[in-house]
Amino acid sequence: MGDLAGEVEEAPVALDVLTRLEDARADWDDLFARAPASAYQSYDFCNVWMETLGRAQGLAPMIVVARASGGRAVALLPLAFGRVGPLGVARFIGGRESNLNCGLIARDAALGDMRLLLRRAARAAPQSVDLFLLRNQPRSCAGAANPLALPGSSPSPSSAHATALPARAADLDARLTGDARKKLRKKKTRLETLGAVVFEHVATGHRARDIVKTLLAQKAERLRGVDASFERTDMRDFVLRLVETGALEAHALTLDGRIIAAYAGLPHERGFSAMLNSFDSEEEIARSSPGDLLLHALMRDLVARGFTRFDLGVGEGRYKNAVCDETIALVDTIVPASPLGVVAAPLFVAATRAKRQIKQTPWMFRRAVRLRGAFGRVRPPSRS
C-alpha cells in the first residue's frame, strides 16, 4: 500500500474528475468500444446503477478521465464516492451487482504510476477522498493486463467462474459426461410429464419485463429471512431499468406458460455475463432442476448466436463448477490518498482477508450464515 511521503509527482496525462456521468458520455462510449472491458463497465449499466442502488446508498459519481497530450481520453475510471464512517471512499460503480471490475483503459495508454494517478485524482476531486477501495478486479481483462490490479493487492473473498464457448452445440454437449447428459434428459422428461416445456431466449418488450419481475419475485421468496435485497424497491428499479435500456437480456423456462426458471445477463461483444437467475421453489418443479435445464439451454443459445465467452460471476456454487472450467482469481486493491487513509487501509486489508478465510473455509462459512442469517444480514455465496 505504501504511505504518502516522498512521492515524486508524475503527470504523463491530464486528469478530469467529473461528477456527472453524462459529462463523460462521449469519452465513455469511445473507450468502451476500444478498451478491454466487461459488460459491467458499460455506460448504461453504470448509469442505471448510480440512479437507483447508488443513490439509495448515498453515493455520488466520481468519473476520472485521463487524457493524452492530444486531448483524447486514454482511460476512464467509473468510480462512486461515499463515506465509511469518517472516511471518504472511492470505489467502482456497480457495488455487489458488478462481478468483474476494471477501468476503461486503452491498451496503449501510458499512465505512469497508477497509485500516483489515483492520488492526483483524489486531490482533483470535489469530495475529500481518503481511500480508493477497488474490489473484485481480475488481473487481466479481455487478454490485457489490468493496470489497477496493483502489486500488493489482496485476493478477493471469492473468485469468478467462466468458460470459453465452442463453435458448435455438439461440442458443448460433449463437455458433459454421459451420466450428466442422461440426468439432464431425465429431468426434462420428468418436467414434461407436468405440462408443456418451452425455453424462451432474448425476450423483448413486455415479455422481458414479465420474466424479470418473476425472477425478482422468485429470488425474494427463496432468500426471505436471509437476504432482503430483492424485496427492495431500489433493486427492482435497477433491474427493470436495465431491461428497458436493452442492456440486460432475459431468458426463461416455462411450464404451460408459467415461468419456472429465469436468467438475466449482460452481453458485450461476444461475451455473456450471467448476472441473476432464479427458479420456482415448488417441490414438484424444483426436483426437476429447472435452473440447470435453463442454464444449459442458455449456453446452447449463446453458441448458436456466435458467443465465445460465458461467465457466471462471483461466488461459490455447484452449478458453476459444473459448466465453467475457468476460475478467475480476483483481487481487492486499496490505495490510501490521505493520512487518514494510510491509517485506515490496513483495517480494510484485514477485513478482506478475514472475509476470504471465512468464505474459503466451509465450516466457517456455514457458521457465519447461521449466525448472521438470524439477523437477516447475510449475503448468500452467489447472487446469480
Protein backbone atom coordinates (compact mmCIF):
# COMPACT_ATOMS: atom_id res chain seq x y z
CA MET A 1 0.00 0.00 0.00
CA GLY A 2 2.72 2.47 0.91
CA ASP A 3 2.39 5.83 2.57
CA LEU A 4 2.26 9.33 1.11
CA ALA A 5 5.74 10.51 2.00
CA GLY A 6 8.47 11.11 -0.55
CA GLU A 7 6.29 10.69 -3.64
CA VAL A 8 7.53 12.20 -6.87
CA GLU A 9 4.84 13.87 -8.90
CA GLU A 10 4.33 12.34 -12.35
CA ALA A 11 1.94 13.82 -14.87
CA PRO A 12 2.11 11.85 -18.15
CA VAL A 13 -1.58 12.53 -18.66
CA ALA A 14 -4.05 15.28 -17.82
CA LEU A 15 -6.91 14.37 -15.46
CA ASP A 16 -10.54 15.41 -15.31
CA VAL A 17 -12.69 14.34 -12.35
CA LEU A 18 -16.37 14.58 -13.30
CA THR A 19 -19.38 14.44 -11.00
CA ARG A 20 -21.97 13.66 -13.68
CA LEU A 21 -21.90 10.54 -15.85
CA GLU A 22 -23.44 12.38 -18.80
CA ASP A 23 -20.45 14.74 -18.93
CA ALA A 24 -18.22 11.73 -19.65
CA ARG A 25 -20.59 10.05 -22.13
CA ALA A 26 -18.64 10.69 -25.33
CA ASP A 27 -15.32 9.56 -23.83
CA TRP A 28 -17.07 6.61 -22.16
CA ASP A 29 -18.58 5.33 -25.41
CA ASP A 30 -15.27 5.79 -27.23
CA LEU A 31 -13.26 3.84 -24.66
CA PHE A 32 -15.87 1.14 -24.11
CA ALA A 33 -15.68 0.38 -27.84
CA ARG A 34 -11.88 0.01 -27.92
CA ALA A 35 -10.56 -0.71 -24.41
CA PRO A 36 -10.53 -4.09 -22.62
CA ALA A 37 -13.70 -4.24 -20.52
CA SER A 38 -16.54 -6.39 -19.27
CA ALA A 39 -20.23 -5.66 -19.66
CA TYR A 40 -20.26 -4.18 -16.15
CA GLN A 41 -18.32 -1.14 -17.38
CA SER A 42 -20.94 -0.10 -19.95
CA TYR A 43 -22.39 3.40 -19.63
CA ASP A 44 -25.94 2.06 -19.37
CA PHE A 45 -25.12 -0.38 -16.57
CA CYS A 46 -23.22 2.22 -14.54
CA ASN A 47 -25.75 4.99 -15.15
CA VAL A 48 -28.74 2.86 -14.12
CA TRP A 49 -26.89 1.57 -11.05
CA MET A 50 -25.94 5.08 -9.91
CA GLU A 51 -29.51 6.37 -10.36
CA THR A 52 -31.03 3.51 -8.37
CA LEU A 53 -28.85 1.49 -5.98
CA GLY A 54 -26.04 4.04 -5.87
CA ARG A 55 -28.42 6.86 -4.99
CA ALA A 56 -30.08 4.70 -2.32
CA GLN A 57 -26.64 4.14 -0.76
CA GLY A 58 -25.86 7.85 -0.73
CA LEU A 59 -23.09 7.58 -3.34
CA ALA A 60 -22.08 10.25 -5.83
CA PRO A 61 -20.36 9.80 -9.22
CA MET A 62 -16.60 10.33 -9.39
CA ILE A 63 -15.59 9.70 -13.01
CA VAL A 64 -11.85 10.00 -13.59
CA VAL A 65 -10.84 10.68 -17.20
CA ALA A 66 -7.18 10.63 -18.23
CA ARG A 67 -6.20 12.37 -21.47
CA ALA A 68 -3.09 12.13 -23.59
CA SER A 69 -1.33 15.23 -24.90
CA GLY A 70 -3.67 15.44 -27.90
CA GLY A 71 -6.72 15.60 -25.64
CA ARG A 72 -8.13 12.15 -26.47
CA ALA A 73 -9.23 10.10 -23.48
CA VAL A 74 -6.94 7.11 -22.83
CA ALA A 75 -8.55 5.94 -19.58
CA LEU A 76 -11.81 6.31 -17.70
CA LEU A 77 -12.32 5.05 -14.16
CA PRO A 78 -16.05 4.63 -13.34
CA LEU A 79 -15.99 5.38 -9.61
CA ALA A 80 -18.50 6.37 -6.96
CA PHE A 81 -17.75 8.35 -3.81
CA GLY A 82 -19.27 7.74 -0.40
CA ARG A 83 -18.44 7.78 3.26
CA VAL A 84 -17.50 4.90 5.55
CA GLY A 85 -17.59 6.47 8.98
CA PRO A 86 -15.19 9.44 8.85
CA LEU A 87 -13.53 8.19 5.65
CA GLY A 88 -14.22 9.43 2.15
CA VAL A 89 -14.03 6.29 -0.02
CA ALA A 90 -13.96 5.95 -3.82
CA ARG A 91 -14.98 2.58 -5.24
CA PHE A 92 -16.14 1.09 -8.51
CA ILE A 93 -19.66 1.86 -9.64
CA GLY A 94 -21.73 -1.32 -9.50
CA GLY A 95 -21.22 -2.49 -5.94
CA ARG A 96 -22.32 -6.06 -5.26
CA GLU A 97 -24.09 -6.17 -8.61
CA SER A 98 -20.84 -5.87 -10.61
CA ASN A 99 -18.93 -9.15 -10.80
CA LEU A 100 -15.84 -8.07 -12.74
CA ASN A 101 -14.43 -4.59 -12.12
CA CYS A 102 -11.82 -2.70 -14.08
CA GLY A 103 -11.26 0.71 -15.60
CA LEU A 104 -11.70 1.53 -19.26
CA ILE A 105 -8.02 1.82 -20.15
CA ALA A 106 -6.74 1.88 -23.73
CA ARG A 107 -4.23 -0.86 -24.46
CA ASP A 108 -1.57 1.69 -25.45
CA ALA A 109 -2.22 4.11 -22.57
CA ALA A 110 0.92 5.41 -20.82
CA LEU A 111 -0.42 6.31 -17.39
CA GLY A 112 2.71 6.13 -15.28
CA ASP A 113 2.45 5.10 -11.62
CA MET A 114 -1.20 4.18 -11.02
CA ARG A 115 -1.00 4.93 -7.30
CA LEU A 116 0.16 8.45 -8.06
CA LEU A 117 -2.54 8.84 -10.69
CA LEU A 118 -5.22 7.82 -8.18
CA ARG A 119 -3.87 10.26 -5.61
CA ARG A 120 -3.84 13.01 -8.22
CA ALA A 121 -7.50 12.19 -8.89
CA ALA A 122 -8.22 12.39 -5.16
CA ARG A 123 -6.71 15.87 -4.99
CA ALA A 124 -8.69 16.97 -8.04
CA ALA A 125 -12.00 15.61 -6.78
CA PRO A 126 -14.53 17.99 -5.21
CA GLN A 127 -15.02 15.45 -2.43
CA SER A 128 -12.45 14.67 0.25
CA VAL A 129 -11.15 11.24 -0.82
CA ASP A 130 -9.16 9.36 1.80
CA LEU A 131 -9.08 5.89 0.26
CA PHE A 132 -9.62 4.01 -3.00
CA LEU A 133 -11.30 0.65 -2.38
CA LEU A 134 -11.21 -1.21 -5.70
CA ARG A 135 -12.77 -4.63 -5.24
CA ASN A 136 -13.25 -7.75 -7.39
CA GLN A 137 -10.70 -6.96 -10.07
CA PRO A 138 -9.35 -9.58 -12.47
CA ARG A 139 -5.61 -9.35 -13.03
CA SER A 140 -6.31 -9.28 -16.75
CA CYS A 141 -9.34 -8.19 -18.76
CA ALA A 142 -10.05 -9.26 -22.34
CA GLY A 143 -6.49 -10.51 -22.66
CA ALA A 144 -4.84 -7.32 -21.39
CA ALA A 145 -3.17 -6.78 -18.02
CA ASN A 146 -5.29 -4.74 -15.63
CA PRO A 147 -3.19 -1.71 -14.53
CA LEU A 148 -5.37 -1.20 -11.44
CA ALA A 149 -4.67 -4.69 -10.05
CA LEU A 150 -1.57 -3.30 -8.37
CA PRO A 151 1.23 -5.29 -6.72
CA GLY A 152 0.36 -5.91 -3.09
CA SER A 153 -3.37 -6.25 -3.77
CA SER A 154 -5.20 -8.78 -1.60
CA PRO A 155 -7.06 -11.79 -3.02
CA SER A 156 -10.79 -11.04 -3.07
CA PRO A 157 -13.03 -13.15 -0.81
CA SER A 158 -14.42 -15.10 -3.79
CA SER A 159 -13.41 -15.89 -7.35
CA ALA A 160 -15.38 -15.64 -10.58
CA HIS A 161 -16.22 -18.53 -12.89
CA ALA A 162 -16.11 -18.58 -16.67
CA THR A 163 -15.65 -20.74 -19.72
CA ALA A 164 -14.87 -20.44 -23.41
CA LEU A 165 -17.76 -21.44 -25.66
CA PRO A 166 -17.17 -23.76 -28.61
CA ALA A 167 -18.34 -23.13 -32.15
CA ARG A 168 -20.93 -25.92 -32.13
CA ALA A 169 -23.62 -27.01 -29.68
CA ALA A 170 -22.50 -30.63 -30.15
CA ASP A 171 -19.08 -29.70 -28.76
CA LEU A 172 -20.76 -28.01 -25.81
CA ASP A 173 -22.77 -31.17 -25.10
CA ALA A 174 -19.63 -33.27 -25.37
CA ARG A 175 -18.17 -31.49 -22.34
CA LEU A 176 -20.72 -33.25 -20.15
CA THR A 177 -20.19 -36.79 -19.05
CA GLY A 178 -22.59 -39.39 -20.34
CA ASP A 179 -24.09 -39.63 -16.87
CA ALA A 180 -24.63 -35.86 -16.68
CA ARG A 181 -26.35 -35.81 -20.09
CA LYS A 182 -28.56 -38.70 -19.02
CA LYS A 183 -29.57 -36.89 -15.82
CA LEU A 184 -30.49 -33.72 -17.74
CA ARG A 185 -32.65 -35.68 -20.19
CA LYS A 186 -34.33 -37.46 -17.31
CA LYS A 187 -35.08 -34.16 -15.55
CA LYS A 188 -36.53 -32.64 -18.72
CA THR A 189 -38.66 -35.73 -19.34
CA ARG A 190 -39.96 -35.61 -15.77
CA LEU A 191 -40.84 -31.94 -16.19
CA GLU A 192 -42.65 -32.68 -19.44
CA THR A 193 -44.99 -35.04 -17.60
CA LEU A 194 -46.30 -31.94 -15.77
CA GLY A 195 -47.04 -29.87 -18.88
CA ALA A 196 -45.64 -28.17 -21.98
CA VAL A 197 -41.98 -27.18 -21.56
CA VAL A 198 -40.72 -24.17 -23.55
CA PHE A 199 -37.39 -22.33 -23.49
CA GLU A 200 -37.52 -18.60 -24.28
CA HIS A 201 -34.40 -16.67 -25.25
CA VAL A 202 -33.68 -12.95 -25.61
CA ALA A 203 -37.22 -11.90 -24.72
CA THR A 204 -38.13 -8.31 -25.58
CA GLY A 205 -40.59 -5.64 -24.51
CA HIS A 206 -43.31 -6.53 -22.02
CA ARG A 207 -42.30 -10.18 -22.06
CA ALA A 208 -38.78 -9.36 -20.92
CA ARG A 209 -40.22 -7.28 -18.07
CA ASP A 210 -42.56 -10.13 -17.08
CA ILE A 211 -39.66 -12.58 -16.97
CA VAL A 212 -37.51 -10.26 -14.87
CA LYS A 213 -40.38 -9.44 -12.50
CA THR A 214 -40.88 -13.16 -11.96
CA LEU A 215 -37.14 -13.63 -11.43
CA LEU A 216 -37.12 -10.96 -8.73
CA ALA A 217 -40.18 -12.45 -7.02
CA GLN A 218 -38.65 -15.94 -7.05
CA LYS A 219 -35.36 -14.63 -5.65
CA ALA A 220 -37.13 -12.70 -2.92
CA GLU A 221 -39.16 -15.76 -1.93
CA ARG A 222 -36.18 -18.13 -1.87
CA LEU A 223 -33.99 -15.70 0.12
CA ARG A 224 -36.65 -14.45 2.54
CA GLY A 225 -35.15 -14.11 6.01
CA VAL A 226 -31.63 -14.43 4.59
CA ASP A 227 -31.15 -11.57 2.11
CA ALA A 228 -33.83 -8.90 1.82
CA SER A 229 -32.23 -7.00 -1.07
CA PHE A 230 -34.57 -8.46 -3.70
CA GLU A 231 -37.57 -7.16 -1.83
CA ARG A 232 -36.35 -3.55 -2.03
CA THR A 233 -37.74 -1.02 -4.49
CA ASP A 234 -34.28 0.22 -5.49
CA MET A 235 -33.19 -3.28 -6.56
CA ARG A 236 -36.39 -3.79 -8.51
CA ASP A 237 -35.95 -0.41 -10.22
CA PHE A 238 -32.32 -1.18 -11.05
CA VAL A 239 -33.02 -4.49 -12.76
CA LEU A 240 -36.15 -3.36 -14.60
CA ARG A 241 -34.44 -0.23 -15.89
CA LEU A 242 -31.57 -2.34 -17.22
CA VAL A 243 -34.15 -4.31 -19.19
CA GLU A 244 -35.69 -1.11 -20.53
CA THR A 245 -32.32 0.16 -21.78
CA GLY A 246 -31.70 -3.12 -23.59
CA ALA A 247 -28.55 -3.75 -21.55
CA LEU A 248 -30.00 -6.82 -19.82
CA GLU A 249 -31.12 -9.95 -21.67
CA ALA A 250 -33.94 -12.11 -20.28
CA HIS A 251 -34.23 -15.89 -20.74
CA ALA A 252 -36.87 -18.21 -19.29
CA LEU A 253 -38.12 -21.76 -18.98
CA THR A 254 -41.90 -22.08 -18.89
CA LEU A 255 -44.24 -24.89 -17.93
CA ASP A 256 -47.67 -24.48 -19.52
CA GLY A 257 -46.82 -20.79 -19.84
CA ARG A 258 -45.75 -20.40 -16.21
CA ILE A 259 -42.19 -19.10 -15.72
CA ILE A 260 -40.40 -21.70 -13.61
CA ALA A 261 -36.80 -20.56 -14.16
CA ALA A 262 -35.18 -17.36 -15.39
CA TYR A 263 -31.76 -15.99 -16.27
CA ALA A 264 -30.81 -12.36 -16.84
CA GLY A 265 -27.42 -11.36 -18.16
CA LEU A 266 -25.31 -8.75 -19.91
CA PRO A 267 -23.93 -9.29 -23.41
CA HIS A 268 -20.78 -7.47 -24.51
CA GLU A 269 -19.09 -8.13 -27.83
CA ARG A 270 -19.06 -11.96 -27.97
CA GLY A 271 -19.16 -12.50 -24.22
CA PHE A 272 -22.14 -13.01 -21.91
CA SER A 273 -22.17 -12.35 -18.16
CA ALA A 274 -24.97 -14.10 -16.29
CA MET A 275 -25.98 -11.64 -13.56
CA LEU A 276 -29.13 -13.09 -11.96
CA ASN A 277 -31.03 -16.35 -12.00
CA SER A 278 -33.98 -17.89 -10.22
CA PHE A 279 -36.25 -20.92 -10.19
CA ASP A 280 -39.66 -21.89 -8.89
CA SER A 281 -39.24 -23.49 -5.46
CA GLU A 282 -42.41 -25.60 -5.63
CA GLU A 283 -41.20 -29.08 -4.70
CA GLU A 284 -42.61 -30.95 -7.68
CA ILE A 285 -41.00 -28.48 -10.06
CA ALA A 286 -37.73 -27.89 -8.19
CA ARG A 287 -36.91 -31.62 -8.15
CA SER A 288 -36.51 -31.43 -11.94
CA SER A 289 -33.82 -28.73 -11.58
CA PRO A 290 -35.37 -26.16 -13.93
CA GLY A 291 -32.46 -23.78 -13.30
CA ASP A 292 -29.94 -26.34 -14.57
CA LEU A 293 -32.09 -27.09 -17.61
CA LEU A 294 -32.35 -23.41 -18.49
CA LEU A 295 -28.63 -22.83 -17.92
CA HIS A 296 -27.70 -25.48 -20.48
CA ALA A 297 -30.33 -24.21 -22.92
CA LEU A 298 -28.99 -20.66 -22.48
CA MET A 299 -25.45 -21.77 -23.26
CA ARG A 300 -26.65 -23.59 -26.39
CA ASP A 301 -28.44 -20.43 -27.49
CA LEU A 302 -25.28 -18.38 -26.96
CA VAL A 303 -23.28 -20.82 -29.08
CA ALA A 304 -25.89 -20.62 -31.84
CA ARG A 305 -25.57 -16.80 -31.78
CA GLY A 306 -21.78 -16.90 -32.07
CA PHE A 307 -20.82 -16.03 -28.48
CA THR A 308 -17.36 -17.26 -27.48
CA ARG A 309 -17.22 -16.44 -23.77
CA PHE A 310 -19.57 -17.10 -20.84
CA ASP A 311 -19.22 -16.21 -17.17
CA LEU A 312 -21.35 -16.96 -14.13
CA GLY A 313 -19.96 -14.21 -11.96
CA VAL A 314 -18.53 -14.16 -8.47
CA GLY A 315 -19.33 -16.66 -5.76
CA GLU A 316 -19.38 -20.31 -4.94
CA GLY A 317 -21.90 -22.75 -6.42
CA ARG A 318 -22.02 -26.36 -7.55
CA TYR A 319 -23.78 -25.44 -10.76
CA LYS A 320 -20.97 -23.01 -11.63
CA ASN A 321 -18.29 -25.66 -11.33
CA ALA A 322 -20.41 -27.99 -13.45
CA VAL A 323 -20.32 -25.75 -16.54
CA CYS A 324 -17.31 -23.46 -16.01
CA ASP A 325 -13.76 -24.77 -16.34
CA GLU A 326 -12.01 -21.49 -15.52
CA THR A 327 -11.67 -19.91 -12.10
CA ILE A 328 -10.85 -16.21 -12.35
CA ALA A 329 -8.82 -15.07 -9.36
CA LEU A 330 -9.87 -11.58 -8.28
CA VAL A 331 -8.05 -9.02 -6.16
CA ASP A 332 -9.01 -6.07 -3.98
CA THR A 333 -6.75 -3.04 -4.38
CA ILE A 334 -6.63 -0.48 -1.58
CA VAL A 335 -4.82 2.81 -2.15
CA PRO A 336 -4.75 5.46 0.60
CA ALA A 337 -4.96 9.06 -0.55
CA SER A 338 -4.65 10.96 2.75
CA PRO A 339 -3.01 10.47 6.16
CA LEU A 340 -6.36 9.20 7.48
CA GLY A 341 -6.49 6.74 4.58
CA VAL A 342 -2.99 5.47 5.42
CA VAL A 343 -4.16 4.68 8.96
CA ALA A 344 -7.38 3.01 7.79
CA ALA A 345 -6.02 0.98 4.85
CA PRO A 346 -4.62 -1.93 6.94
CA LEU A 347 -8.04 -2.33 8.57
CA PHE A 348 -9.69 -2.76 5.17
CA VAL A 349 -7.00 -5.25 4.13
CA ALA A 350 -7.53 -7.24 7.32
CA ALA A 351 -11.30 -7.27 6.80
CA THR A 352 -10.87 -8.55 3.22
CA ARG A 353 -8.55 -11.33 4.35
CA ALA A 354 -10.88 -12.37 7.17
CA LYS A 355 -13.87 -12.48 4.82
CA ARG A 356 -11.91 -14.57 2.34
CA GLN A 357 -10.88 -17.04 5.04
CA ILE A 358 -14.50 -17.42 6.11
CA LYS A 359 -15.74 -17.92 2.54
CA GLN A 360 -12.97 -20.36 1.65
CA THR A 361 -13.46 -22.46 4.81
CA PRO A 362 -16.75 -24.41 4.54
CA TRP A 363 -17.40 -24.89 8.26
CA MET A 364 -16.64 -21.23 9.00
CA PHE A 365 -18.92 -20.10 6.19
CA ARG A 366 -21.79 -22.33 7.38
CA ARG A 367 -21.42 -20.94 10.89
CA ALA A 368 -21.34 -17.36 9.58
CA VAL A 369 -24.53 -17.98 7.60
CA ARG A 370 -26.28 -19.33 10.69
CA LEU A 371 -25.10 -16.51 12.94
CA ARG A 372 -25.76 -13.66 10.54
CA GLY A 373 -28.86 -15.20 8.99
CA ALA A 374 -30.55 -14.91 12.34
CA PHE A 375 -30.34 -11.14 11.87
CA GLY A 376 -31.27 -11.18 8.16
CA ARG A 377 -27.95 -9.61 7.10
CA VAL A 378 -26.02 -12.39 5.38
CA ARG A 379 -25.13 -12.25 1.73
CA PRO A 380 -25.54 -15.66 0.11
CA PRO A 381 -22.48 -17.22 -1.55
CA SER A 382 -23.65 -16.16 -5.01
CA ARG A 383 -26.08 -13.57 -6.33
CA SER A 384 -26.51 -15.28 -9.66
